[in-house]
Amino acid sequence: MTRIQREQRTVKAMISLYCRKNHGSQELCSECDDLLAYAAKRLEGCPFQSSKPICAKCPIHCYKPDKRAQVTAVMKYAGPRMIWHHPILVCLHVVDQFRKAKSRDHREPR
C-alpha cells in the first residue's frame, strides 16, 4: 500500500466515524461522500506523493476554505476516537508526523 493509499484509507475511516455519529447513517451521506471524493482527488494530485507530510504540517494547503473547515470538523471529532477503531492507522499517522516535506522540485542541486 502506498503512502497516498494509506492516507486515503485514514481519511475514509475518519469521515465514516464522523458521519455515523453526526449524521446517523451507517453508510456515508451525500455530504460526507462528496467530502471523501474531494479529499481523494486532492490526495491523488498531491505534489509530494510518497514524501507527503501530514496535512497539518504541509507547506501547501490544497483544500478550498469550505472543504478545509469540513475536514477540520471531521478530524476534531474522529481523531481522538480513531485509536479505538483503527489503532494501526493511528500508529502509522503518528510516525508520519515526523516526516518532513521534501522539495517538489526533483532537479539535482547545483
PDB file of N, CA and C in Angstrom:
ATOM      1  N   MET A   1       0.848  -1.176   0.000  1.00  0.00           N
ATOM      2  CA  MET A   1       0.000   0.000   0.000  1.00  0.00           C
ATOM      3  C   MET A   1       0.894   1.240   0.000  1.00  0.00           C
ATOM      4  N   THR A   2       0.610   2.159  -0.908  1.00  0.00           N
ATOM      5  CA  THR A   2       1.420   3.368  -0.985  1.00  0.00           C
ATOM      6  C   THR A   2       1.026   4.346   0.121  1.00  0.00           C
ATOM      7  N   ARG A   3       1.838   5.342   0.303  1.00  0.00           N
ATOM      8  CA  ARG A   3       1.576   6.381   1.309  1.00  0.00           C
ATOM      9  C   ARG A   3       0.250   7.086   1.029  1.00  0.00           C
ATOM     10  N   ILE A   4      -0.015   7.405  -0.216  1.00  0.00           N
ATOM     11  CA  ILE A   4      -1.252   8.096  -0.592  1.00  0.00           C
ATOM     12  C   ILE A   4      -2.455   7.183  -0.350  1.00  0.00           C
ATOM     13  N   GLN A   5      -2.347   5.914  -0.685  1.00  0.00           N
ATOM     14  CA  GLN A   5      -3.443   4.973  -0.438  1.00  0.00           C
ATOM     15  C   GLN A   5      -3.750   4.856   1.050  1.00  0.00           C
ATOM     16  N   ARG A   6      -2.705   4.826   1.859  1.00  0.00           N
ATOM     17  CA  ARG A   6      -2.907   4.751   3.310  1.00  0.00           C
ATOM     18  C   ARG A   6      -3.571   6.015   3.831  1.00  0.00           C
ATOM     19  N   GLU A   7      -3.161   7.150   3.295  1.00  0.00           N
ATOM     20  CA  GLU A   7      -3.759   8.421   3.692  1.00  0.00           C
ATOM     21  C   GLU A   7      -5.240   8.444   3.303  1.00  0.00           C
ATOM     22  N   GLN A   8      -5.559   7.936   2.123  1.00  0.00           N
ATOM     23  CA  GLN A   8      -6.954   7.869   1.688  1.00  0.00           C
ATOM     24  C   GLN A   8      -7.767   6.949   2.596  1.00  0.00           C
ATOM     25  N   ARG A   9      -7.172   5.850   2.987  1.00  0.00           N
ATOM     26  CA  ARG A   9      -7.854   4.915   3.895  1.00  0.00           C
ATOM     27  C   ARG A   9      -8.118   5.575   5.252  1.00  0.00           C
ATOM     28  N   THR A  10      -7.159   6.324   5.745  1.00  0.00           N
ATOM     29  CA  THR A  10      -7.312   7.023   7.023  1.00  0.00           C
ATOM     30  C   THR A  10      -8.407   8.075   6.938  1.00  0.00           C
ATOM     31  N   VAL A  11      -8.413   8.853   5.869  1.00  0.00           N
ATOM     32  CA  VAL A  11      -9.441   9.886   5.696  1.00  0.00           C
ATOM     33  C   VAL A  11     -10.823   9.243   5.607  1.00  0.00           C
ATOM     34  N   LYS A  12     -10.926   8.154   4.876  1.00  0.00           N
ATOM     35  CA  LYS A  12     -12.215   7.462   4.749  1.00  0.00           C
ATOM     36  C   LYS A  12     -12.692   6.962   6.108  1.00  0.00           C
ATOM     37  N   ALA A  13     -11.797   6.399   6.891  1.00  0.00           N
ATOM     38  CA  ALA A  13     -12.161   5.901   8.222  1.00  0.00           C
ATOM     39  C   ALA A  13     -12.646   7.042   9.108  1.00  0.00           C
ATOM     40  N   MET A  14     -11.969   8.175   9.051  1.00  0.00           N
ATOM     41  CA  MET A  14     -12.353   9.325   9.873  1.00  0.00           C
ATOM     42  C   MET A  14     -13.708   9.894   9.443  1.00  0.00           C
ATOM     43  N   ILE A  15     -13.910  10.021   8.153  1.00  0.00           N
ATOM     44  CA  ILE A  15     -15.186  10.547   7.664  1.00  0.00           C
ATOM     45  C   ILE A  15     -16.320   9.581   8.002  1.00  0.00           C
ATOM     46  N   SER A  16     -16.068   8.286   7.921  1.00  0.00           N
ATOM     47  CA  SER A  16     -17.085   7.292   8.264  1.00  0.00           C
ATOM     48  C   SER A  16     -17.484   7.387   9.730  1.00  0.00           C
ATOM     49  N   LEU A  17     -16.498   7.506  10.613  1.00  0.00           N
ATOM     50  CA  LEU A  17     -16.793   7.667  12.046  1.00  0.00           C
ATOM     51  C   LEU A  17     -17.625   8.927  12.293  1.00  0.00           C
ATOM     52  N   TYR A  18     -17.210  10.000  11.684  1.00  0.00           N
ATOM     53  CA  TYR A  18     -17.896  11.282  11.849  1.00  0.00           C
ATOM     54  C   TYR A  18     -19.336  11.206  11.344  1.00  0.00           C
ATOM     55  N   CYS A  19     -19.528  10.660  10.154  1.00  0.00           N
ATOM     56  CA  CYS A  19     -20.851  10.606   9.543  1.00  0.00           C
ATOM     57  C   CYS A  19     -21.797   9.721  10.357  1.00  0.00           C
ATOM     58  N   ARG A  20     -21.298   8.580  10.792  1.00  0.00           N
ATOM     59  CA  ARG A  20     -22.123   7.659  11.578  1.00  0.00           C
ATOM     60  C   ARG A  20     -22.679   8.334  12.817  1.00  0.00           C
ATOM     61  N   LYS A  21     -21.847   9.091  13.512  1.00  0.00           N
ATOM     62  CA  LYS A  21     -22.274   9.731  14.756  1.00  0.00           C
ATOM     63  C   LYS A  21     -23.061  11.024  14.519  1.00  0.00           C
ATOM     64  N   ASN A  22     -22.610  11.840  13.594  1.00  0.00           N
ATOM     65  CA  ASN A  22     -23.213  13.160  13.412  1.00  0.00           C
ATOM     66  C   ASN A  22     -24.355  13.205  12.411  1.00  0.00           C
ATOM     67  N   HIS A  23     -24.403  12.247  11.500  1.00  0.00           N
ATOM     68  CA  HIS A  23     -25.475  12.238  10.509  1.00  0.00           C
ATOM     69  C   HIS A  23     -26.361  11.004  10.643  1.00  0.00           C
ATOM     70  N   GLY A  24     -26.022  10.109  11.550  1.00  0.00           N
ATOM     71  CA  GLY A  24     -26.860   8.965  11.874  1.00  0.00           C
ATOM     72  C   GLY A  24     -27.045   7.929  10.786  1.00  0.00           C
ATOM     73  N   SER A  25     -26.110   7.844   9.862  1.00  0.00           N
ATOM     74  CA  SER A  25     -26.254   6.857   8.800  1.00  0.00           C
ATOM     75  C   SER A  25     -25.114   5.848   8.855  1.00  0.00           C
ATOM     76  N   GLN A  26     -25.419   4.605   8.526  1.00  0.00           N
ATOM     77  CA  GLN A  26     -24.392   3.564   8.505  1.00  0.00           C
ATOM     78  C   GLN A  26     -23.479   3.720   7.291  1.00  0.00           C
ATOM     79  N   GLU A  27     -24.037   4.191   6.195  1.00  0.00           N
ATOM     80  CA  GLU A  27     -23.242   4.483   5.008  1.00  0.00           C
ATOM     81  C   GLU A  27     -23.081   5.992   4.916  1.00  0.00           C
ATOM     82  N   LEU A  28     -22.105   6.428   4.166  1.00  0.00           N
ATOM     83  CA  LEU A  28     -21.857   7.865   4.066  1.00  0.00           C
ATOM     84  C   LEU A  28     -23.043   8.593   3.446  1.00  0.00           C
ATOM     85  N   CYS A  29     -23.413   9.707   4.062  1.00  0.00           N
ATOM     86  CA  CYS A  29     -24.442  10.571   3.484  1.00  0.00           C
ATOM     87  C   CYS A  29     -23.829  11.274   2.278  1.00  0.00           C
ATOM     88  N   SER A  30     -24.660  11.961   1.512  1.00  0.00           N
ATOM     89  CA  SER A  30     -24.159  12.592   0.286  1.00  0.00           C
ATOM     90  C   SER A  30     -23.113  13.673   0.591  1.00  0.00           C
ATOM     91  N   GLU A  31     -23.295  14.416   1.687  1.00  0.00           N
ATOM     92  CA  GLU A  31     -22.336  15.461   2.051  1.00  0.00           C
ATOM     93  C   GLU A  31     -20.969  14.863   2.387  1.00  0.00           C
ATOM     94  N   CYS A  32     -20.973  13.811   3.180  1.00  0.00           N
ATOM     95  CA  CYS A  32     -19.710  13.169   3.563  1.00  0.00           C
ATOM     96  C   CYS A  32     -19.091  12.418   2.392  1.00  0.00           C
ATOM     97  N   ASP A  33     -19.929  11.846   1.532  1.00  0.00           N
ATOM     98  CA  ASP A  33     -19.417  11.169   0.342  1.00  0.00           C
ATOM     99  C   ASP A  33     -18.733  12.171  -0.585  1.00  0.00           C
ATOM    100  N   ASP A  34     -19.324  13.354  -0.720  1.00  0.00           N
ATOM    101  CA  ASP A  34     -18.701  14.416  -1.526  1.00  0.00           C
ATOM    102  C   ASP A  34     -17.364  14.848  -0.930  1.00  0.00           C
ATOM    103  N   LEU A  35     -17.321  14.972   0.390  1.00  0.00           N
ATOM    104  CA  LEU A  35     -16.082  15.358   1.063  1.00  0.00           C
ATOM    105  C   LEU A  35     -15.008  14.296   0.854  1.00  0.00           C
ATOM    106  N   LEU A  36     -15.376  13.033   0.956  1.00  0.00           N
ATOM    107  CA  LEU A  36     -14.427  11.945   0.739  1.00  0.00           C
ATOM    108  C   LEU A  36     -13.895  11.961  -0.692  1.00  0.00           C
ATOM    109  N   ALA A  37     -14.781  12.171  -1.658  1.00  0.00           N
ATOM    110  CA  ALA A  37     -14.352  12.237  -3.061  1.00  0.00           C
ATOM    111  C   ALA A  37     -13.407  13.415  -3.281  1.00  0.00           C
ATOM    112  N   TYR A  38     -13.705  14.547  -2.657  1.00  0.00           N
ATOM    113  CA  TYR A  38     -12.850  15.730  -2.777  1.00  0.00           C
ATOM    114  C   TYR A  38     -11.470  15.448  -2.168  1.00  0.00           C
ATOM    115  N   ALA A  39     -11.464  14.855  -0.980  1.00  0.00           N
ATOM    116  CA  ALA A  39     -10.187  14.550  -0.313  1.00  0.00           C
ATOM    117  C   ALA A  39      -9.363  13.562  -1.136  1.00  0.00           C
ATOM    118  N   ALA A  40     -10.010  12.558  -1.693  1.00  0.00           N
ATOM    119  CA  ALA A  40      -9.298  11.570  -2.516  1.00  0.00           C
ATOM    120  C   ALA A  40      -8.684  12.234  -3.744  1.00  0.00           C
ATOM    121  N   LYS A  41      -9.437  13.122  -4.363  1.00  0.00           N
ATOM    122  CA  LYS A  41      -8.936  13.834  -5.548  1.00  0.00           C
ATOM    123  C   LYS A  41      -7.729  14.696  -5.188  1.00  0.00           C
ATOM    124  N   ARG A  42      -7.799  15.388  -4.059  1.00  0.00           N
ATOM    125  CA  ARG A  42      -6.686  16.237  -3.627  1.00  0.00           C
ATOM    126  C   ARG A  42      -5.456  15.384  -3.297  1.00  0.00           C
ATOM    127  N   LEU A  43      -5.661  14.234  -2.647  1.00  0.00           N
ATOM    128  CA  LEU A  43      -4.534  13.355  -2.314  1.00  0.00           C
ATOM    129  C   LEU A  43      -3.875  12.799  -3.580  1.00  0.00           C
ATOM    130  N   GLU A  44      -4.682  12.424  -4.553  1.00  0.00           N
ATOM    131  CA  GLU A  44      -4.125  11.902  -5.808  1.00  0.00           C
ATOM    132  C   GLU A  44      -3.276  12.947  -6.521  1.00  0.00           C
ATOM    133  N   GLY A  45      -3.636  14.210  -6.365  1.00  0.00           N
ATOM    134  CA  GLY A  45      -2.891  15.282  -7.017  1.00  0.00           C
ATOM    135  C   GLY A  45      -1.804  15.892  -6.153  1.00  0.00           C
ATOM    136  N   CYS A  46      -1.535  15.298  -5.006  1.00  0.00           N
ATOM    137  CA  CYS A  46      -0.535  15.849  -4.089  1.00  0.00           C
ATOM    138  C   CYS A  46       0.835  15.895  -4.768  1.00  0.00           C
ATOM    139  N   PRO A  47       1.471  17.073  -4.784  1.00  0.00           N
ATOM    140  CA  PRO A  47       2.774  17.179  -5.444  1.00  0.00           C
ATOM    141  C   PRO A  47       3.888  16.438  -4.700  1.00  0.00           C
ATOM    142  N   PHE A  48       3.679  16.094  -3.438  1.00  0.00           N
ATOM    143  CA  PHE A  48       4.720  15.430  -2.659  1.00  0.00           C
ATOM    144  C   PHE A  48       4.674  13.911  -2.779  1.00  0.00           C
ATOM    145  N   GLN A  49       3.505  13.350  -3.076  1.00  0.00           N
ATOM    146  CA  GLN A  49       3.279  11.917  -3.233  1.00  0.00           C
ATOM    147  C   GLN A  49       3.880  11.111  -2.083  1.00  0.00           C
ATOM    148  N   SER A  50       4.867  10.255  -2.318  1.00  0.00           N
ATOM    149  CA  SER A  50       5.372   9.361  -1.273  1.00  0.00           C
ATOM    150  C   SER A  50       6.095  10.088  -0.147  1.00  0.00           C
ATOM    151  N   SER A  51       6.547  11.308  -0.390  1.00  0.00           N
ATOM    152  CA  SER A  51       7.221  12.058   0.676  1.00  0.00           C
ATOM    153  C   SER A  51       6.267  13.036   1.358  1.00  0.00           C
ATOM    154  N   LYS A  52       4.969  12.823   1.173  1.00  0.00           N
ATOM    155  CA  LYS A  52       3.949  13.709   1.710  1.00  0.00           C
ATOM    156  C   LYS A  52       3.980  13.740   3.241  1.00  0.00           C
ATOM    157  N   PRO A  53       4.005  14.941   3.824  1.00  0.00           N
ATOM    158  CA  PRO A  53       3.876  15.045   5.277  1.00  0.00           C
ATOM    159  C   PRO A  53       2.390  14.991   5.634  1.00  0.00           C
ATOM    160  N   ILE A  54       2.073  14.978   6.920  1.00  0.00           N
ATOM    161  CA  ILE A  54       0.665  15.071   7.282  1.00  0.00           C
ATOM    162  C   ILE A  54       0.166  16.442   6.854  1.00  0.00           C
ATOM    163  N   CYS A  55      -1.121  16.544   6.572  1.00  0.00           N
ATOM    164  CA  CYS A  55      -1.677  17.792   6.031  1.00  0.00           C
ATOM    165  C   CYS A  55      -1.430  18.991   6.948  1.00  0.00           C
ATOM    166  N   ALA A  56      -1.473  18.772   8.259  1.00  0.00           N
ATOM    167  CA  ALA A  56      -1.276  19.873   9.199  1.00  0.00           C
ATOM    168  C   ALA A  56       0.120  20.481   9.094  1.00  0.00           C
ATOM    169  N   LYS A  57       1.089  19.703   8.626  1.00  0.00           N
ATOM    170  CA  LYS A  57       2.465  20.194   8.514  1.00  0.00           C
ATOM    171  C   LYS A  57       2.882  20.468   7.071  1.00  0.00           C
ATOM    172  N   CYS A  58       1.936  20.378   6.170  1.00  0.00           N
ATOM    173  CA  CYS A  58       2.253  20.565   4.755  1.00  0.00           C
ATOM    174  C   CYS A  58       2.401  22.057   4.431  1.00  0.00           C
ATOM    175  N   PRO A  59       3.405  22.426   3.653  1.00  0.00           N
ATOM    176  CA  PRO A  59       3.580  23.829   3.293  1.00  0.00           C
ATOM    177  C   PRO A  59       2.549  24.315   2.276  1.00  0.00           C
ATOM    178  N   ILE A  60       1.831  23.387   1.642  1.00  0.00           N
ATOM    179  CA  ILE A  60       0.810  23.738   0.656  1.00  0.00           C
ATOM    180  C   ILE A  60      -0.549  23.340   1.229  1.00  0.00           C
ATOM    181  N   HIS A  61      -1.480  24.265   1.230  1.00  0.00           N
ATOM    182  CA  HIS A  61      -2.834  23.941   1.667  1.00  0.00           C
ATOM    183  C   HIS A  61      -3.704  23.832   0.428  1.00  0.00           C
ATOM    184  N   CYS A  62      -3.982  22.610   0.017  1.00  0.00           N
ATOM    185  CA  CYS A  62      -4.634  22.389  -1.269  1.00  0.00           C
ATOM    186  C   CYS A  62      -6.155  22.288  -1.175  1.00  0.00           C
ATOM    187  N   TYR A  63      -6.726  22.367   0.034  1.00  0.00           N
ATOM    188  CA  TYR A  63      -8.180  22.328   0.173  1.00  0.00           C
ATOM    189  C   TYR A  63      -8.743  23.739   0.089  1.00  0.00           C
ATOM    190  N   LYS A  64      -9.920  23.860  -0.526  1.00  0.00           N
ATOM    191  CA  LYS A  64     -10.642  25.122  -0.519  1.00  0.00           C
ATOM    192  C   LYS A  64     -11.058  25.411   0.922  1.00  0.00           C
ATOM    193  N   PRO A  65     -11.222  26.670   1.289  1.00  0.00           N
ATOM    194  CA  PRO A  65     -11.546  27.003   2.681  1.00  0.00           C
ATOM    195  C   PRO A  65     -12.769  26.281   3.246  1.00  0.00           C
ATOM    196  N   ASP A  66     -13.843  26.137   2.469  1.00  0.00           N
ATOM    197  CA  ASP A  66     -15.035  25.459   2.982  1.00  0.00           C
ATOM    198  C   ASP A  66     -14.786  23.973   3.216  1.00  0.00           C
ATOM    199  N   LYS A  67     -14.056  23.336   2.321  1.00  0.00           N
ATOM    200  CA  LYS A  67     -13.729  21.912   2.487  1.00  0.00           C
ATOM    201  C   LYS A  67     -12.742  21.720   3.635  1.00  0.00           C
ATOM    202  N   ARG A  68     -11.833  22.655   3.771  1.00  0.00           N
ATOM    203  CA  ARG A  68     -10.864  22.579   4.863  1.00  0.00           C
ATOM    204  C   ARG A  68     -11.577  22.663   6.213  1.00  0.00           C
ATOM    205  N   ALA A  69     -12.583  23.513   6.311  1.00  0.00           N
ATOM    206  CA  ALA A  69     -13.370  23.621   7.547  1.00  0.00           C
ATOM    207  C   ALA A  69     -14.116  22.321   7.829  1.00  0.00           C
ATOM    208  N   GLN A  70     -14.649  21.695   6.778  1.00  0.00           N
ATOM    209  CA  GLN A  70     -15.337  20.415   6.959  1.00  0.00           C
ATOM    210  C   GLN A  70     -14.369  19.340   7.449  1.00  0.00           C
ATOM    211  N   VAL A  71     -13.207  19.255   6.830  1.00  0.00           N
ATOM    212  CA  VAL A  71     -12.222  18.242   7.215  1.00  0.00           C
ATOM    213  C   VAL A  71     -11.731  18.493   8.646  1.00  0.00           C
ATOM    214  N   THR A  72     -11.570  19.744   9.013  1.00  0.00           N
ATOM    215  CA  THR A  72     -11.163  20.072  10.380  1.00  0.00           C
ATOM    216  C   THR A  72     -12.202  19.581  11.381  1.00  0.00           C
ATOM    217  N   ALA A  73     -13.479  19.779  11.083  1.00  0.00           N
ATOM    218  CA  ALA A  73     -14.549  19.302  11.972  1.00  0.00           C
ATOM    219  C   ALA A  73     -14.523  17.779  12.077  1.00  0.00           C
ATOM    220  N   VAL A  74     -14.309  17.108  10.953  1.00  0.00           N
ATOM    221  CA  VAL A  74     -14.226  15.646  10.943  1.00  0.00           C
ATOM    222  C   VAL A  74     -13.058  15.188  11.804  1.00  0.00           C
ATOM    223  N   MET A  75     -11.899  15.810  11.629  1.00  0.00           N
ATOM    224  CA  MET A  75     -10.703  15.388  12.360  1.00  0.00           C
ATOM    225  C   MET A  75     -10.823  15.665  13.857  1.00  0.00           C
ATOM    226  N   LYS A  76     -11.448  16.771  14.214  1.00  0.00           N
ATOM    227  CA  LYS A  76     -11.633  17.065  15.642  1.00  0.00           C
ATOM    228  C   LYS A  76     -12.502  16.021  16.311  1.00  0.00           C
ATOM    229  N   TYR A  77     -13.521  15.548  15.595  1.00  0.00           N
ATOM    230  CA  TYR A  77     -14.392  14.531  16.169  1.00  0.00           C
ATOM    231  C   TYR A  77     -13.737  13.148  16.111  1.00  0.00           C
ATOM    232  N   ALA A  78     -13.313  12.749  14.914  1.00  0.00           N
ATOM    233  CA  ALA A  78     -12.862  11.377  14.692  1.00  0.00           C
ATOM    234  C   ALA A  78     -11.449  11.105  15.198  1.00  0.00           C
ATOM    235  N   GLY A  79     -10.589  12.115  15.194  1.00  0.00           N
ATOM    236  CA  GLY A  79      -9.196  11.909  15.595  1.00  0.00           C
ATOM    237  C   GLY A  79      -9.025  11.193  16.922  1.00  0.00           C
ATOM    238  N   PRO A  80      -9.636  11.698  18.002  1.00  0.00           N
ATOM    239  CA  PRO A  80      -9.474  11.036  19.300  1.00  0.00           C
ATOM    240  C   PRO A  80     -10.111   9.639  19.365  1.00  0.00           C
ATOM    241  N   ARG A  81     -11.059   9.351  18.508  1.00  0.00           N
ATOM    242  CA  ARG A  81     -11.760   8.071  18.530  1.00  0.00           C
ATOM    243  C   ARG A  81     -11.091   7.013  17.647  1.00  0.00           C
ATOM    244  N   MET A  82     -10.185   7.450  16.799  1.00  0.00           N
ATOM    245  CA  MET A  82      -9.532   6.531  15.866  1.00  0.00           C
ATOM    246  C   MET A  82      -8.724   5.456  16.577  1.00  0.00           C
ATOM    247  N   ILE A  83      -8.175   5.759  17.717  1.00  0.00           N
ATOM    248  CA  ILE A  83      -7.343   4.783  18.443  1.00  0.00           C
ATOM    249  C   ILE A  83      -8.136   3.528  18.779  1.00  0.00           C
ATOM    250  N   TRP A  84      -9.434   3.666  19.001  1.00  0.00           N
ATOM    251  CA  TRP A  84     -10.282   2.521  19.356  1.00  0.00           C
ATOM    252  C   TRP A  84     -10.758   1.768  18.124  1.00  0.00           C
ATOM    253  N   HIS A  85     -10.908   2.458  17.019  1.00  0.00           N
ATOM    254  CA  HIS A  85     -11.464   1.847  15.818  1.00  0.00           C
ATOM    255  C   HIS A  85     -10.402   1.414  14.807  1.00  0.00           C
ATOM    256  N   HIS A  86      -9.316   2.153  14.721  1.00  0.00           N
ATOM    257  CA  HIS A  86      -8.263   1.881  13.732  1.00  0.00           C
ATOM    258  C   HIS A  86      -6.886   2.147  14.344  1.00  0.00           C
ATOM    259  N   PRO A  87      -6.470   1.368  15.338  1.00  0.00           N
ATOM    260  CA  PRO A  87      -5.209   1.655  16.039  1.00  0.00           C
ATOM    261  C   PRO A  87      -3.965   1.606  15.147  1.00  0.00           C
ATOM    262  N   ILE A  88      -3.947   0.741  14.158  1.00  0.00           N
ATOM    263  CA  ILE A  88      -2.765   0.656  13.287  1.00  0.00           C
ATOM    264  C   ILE A  88      -2.638   1.926  12.442  1.00  0.00           C
ATOM    265  N   LEU A  89      -3.761   2.407  11.913  1.00  0.00           N
ATOM    266  CA  LEU A  89      -3.720   3.651  11.145  1.00  0.00           C
ATOM    267  C   LEU A  89      -3.247   4.815  12.012  1.00  0.00           C
ATOM    268  N   VAL A  90      -3.654   4.813  13.265  1.00  0.00           N
ATOM    269  CA  VAL A  90      -3.221   5.876  14.188  1.00  0.00           C
ATOM    270  C   VAL A  90      -1.712   5.804  14.401  1.00  0.00           C
ATOM    271  N   CYS A  91      -1.200   4.612  14.629  1.00  0.00           N
ATOM    272  CA  CYS A  91       0.251   4.459  14.838  1.00  0.00           C
ATOM    273  C   CYS A  91       1.032   4.918  13.607  1.00  0.00           C
ATOM    274  N   LEU A  92       0.579   4.551  12.437  1.00  0.00           N
ATOM    275  CA  LEU A  92       1.254   4.970  11.209  1.00  0.00           C
ATOM    276  C   LEU A  92       1.176   6.480  11.026  1.00  0.00           C
ATOM    277  N   HIS A  93       0.041   7.079  11.414  1.00  0.00           N
ATOM    278  CA  HIS A  93      -0.105   8.531  11.314  1.00  0.00           C
ATOM    279  C   HIS A  93       0.845   9.242  12.276  1.00  0.00           C
ATOM    280  N   VAL A  94       1.014   8.684  13.456  1.00  0.00           N
ATOM    281  CA  VAL A  94       1.944   9.271  14.430  1.00  0.00           C
ATOM    282  C   VAL A  94       3.369   9.248  13.866  1.00  0.00           C
ATOM    283  N   VAL A  95       3.748   8.153  13.249  1.00  0.00           N
ATOM    284  CA  VAL A  95       5.074   8.068  12.629  1.00  0.00           C
ATOM    285  C   VAL A  95       5.192   9.104  11.513  1.00  0.00           C
ATOM    286  N   ASP A  96       4.125   9.265  10.737  1.00  0.00           N
ATOM    287  CA  ASP A  96       4.143  10.227   9.632  1.00  0.00           C
ATOM    288  C   ASP A  96       4.276  11.666  10.109  1.00  0.00           C
ATOM    289  N   GLN A  97       3.917  11.941  11.349  1.00  0.00           N
ATOM    290  CA  GLN A  97       4.038  13.304  11.870  1.00  0.00           C
ATOM    291  C   GLN A  97       5.486  13.785  11.883  1.00  0.00           C
ATOM    292  N   PHE A  98       6.414  12.860  11.896  1.00  0.00           N
ATOM    293  CA  PHE A  98       7.822  13.224  11.919  1.00  0.00           C
ATOM    294  C   PHE A  98       8.411  13.383  10.523  1.00  0.00           C
ATOM    295  N   ARG A  99       7.604  13.096   9.518  1.00  0.00           N
ATOM    296  CA  ARG A  99       8.042  13.209   8.128  1.00  0.00           C
ATOM    297  C   ARG A  99       8.048  14.683   7.720  1.00  0.00           C
ATOM    298  N   LYS A 100       9.098  15.093   7.064  1.00  0.00           N
ATOM    299  CA  LYS A 100       9.184  16.465   6.565  1.00  0.00           C
ATOM    300  C   LYS A 100       8.955  16.444   5.066  1.00  0.00           C
ATOM    301  N   ALA A 101       8.328  17.482   4.582  1.00  0.00           N
ATOM    302  CA  ALA A 101       8.057  17.582   3.145  1.00  0.00           C
ATOM    303  C   ALA A 101       9.371  17.799   2.412  1.00  0.00           C
ATOM    304  N   LYS A 102       9.582  16.984   1.387  1.00  0.00           N
ATOM    305  CA  LYS A 102      10.734  17.196   0.525  1.00  0.00           C
ATOM    306  C   LYS A 102      10.328  18.201  -0.534  1.00  0.00           C
ATOM    307  N   SER A 103      11.295  18.775  -1.160  1.00  0.00           N
ATOM    308  CA  SER A 103      11.026  19.751  -2.213  1.00  0.00           C
ATOM    309  C   SER A 103      10.237  19.091  -3.342  1.00  0.00           C
ATOM    310  N   ARG A 104       9.313  19.839  -3.908  1.00  0.00           N
ATOM    311  CA  ARG A 104       8.551  19.332  -5.047  1.00  0.00           C
ATOM    312  C   ARG A 104       9.410  19.326  -6.293  1.00  0.00           C
ATOM    313  N   ASP A 105      10.461  20.110  -6.286  1.00  0.00           N
ATOM    314  CA  ASP A 105      11.347  20.216  -7.432  1.00  0.00           C
ATOM    315  C   ASP A 105      12.369  19.101  -7.349  1.00  0.00           C
ATOM    316  N   HIS A 106      12.309  18.148  -8.272  1.00  0.00           N
ATOM    317  CA  HIS A 106      13.179  16.974  -8.206  1.00  0.00           C
ATOM    318  C   HIS A 106      14.468  17.112  -9.004  1.00  0.00           C
ATOM    319  N   ARG A 107      14.822  18.332  -9.415  1.00  0.00           N
ATOM    320  CA  ARG A 107      16.081  18.528 -10.123  1.00  0.00           C
ATOM    321  C   ARG A 107      17.253  18.419  -9.165  1.00  0.00           C
ATOM    322  N   GLU A 108      18.372  18.069  -9.708  1.00  0.00           N
ATOM    323  CA  GLU A 108      19.585  17.963  -8.915  1.00  0.00           C
ATOM    324  C   GLU A 108      20.040  19.333  -8.428  1.00  0.00           C
ATOM    325  N   PRO A 109      20.486  19.442  -7.181  1.00  0.00           N
ATOM    326  CA  PRO A 109      21.004  20.737  -6.697  1.00  0.00           C
ATOM    327  C   PRO A 109      22.311  21.069  -7.391  1.00  0.00           C
ATOM    328  N   ARG A 110      22.601  22.365  -7.511  1.00  0.00           N
ATOM    329  CA  ARG A 110      23.835  22.803  -8.182  1.00  0.00           C
ATOM    330  C   ARG A 110      24.978  22.871  -7.247  1.00  0.00           C
TER     331      ARG A 110
END
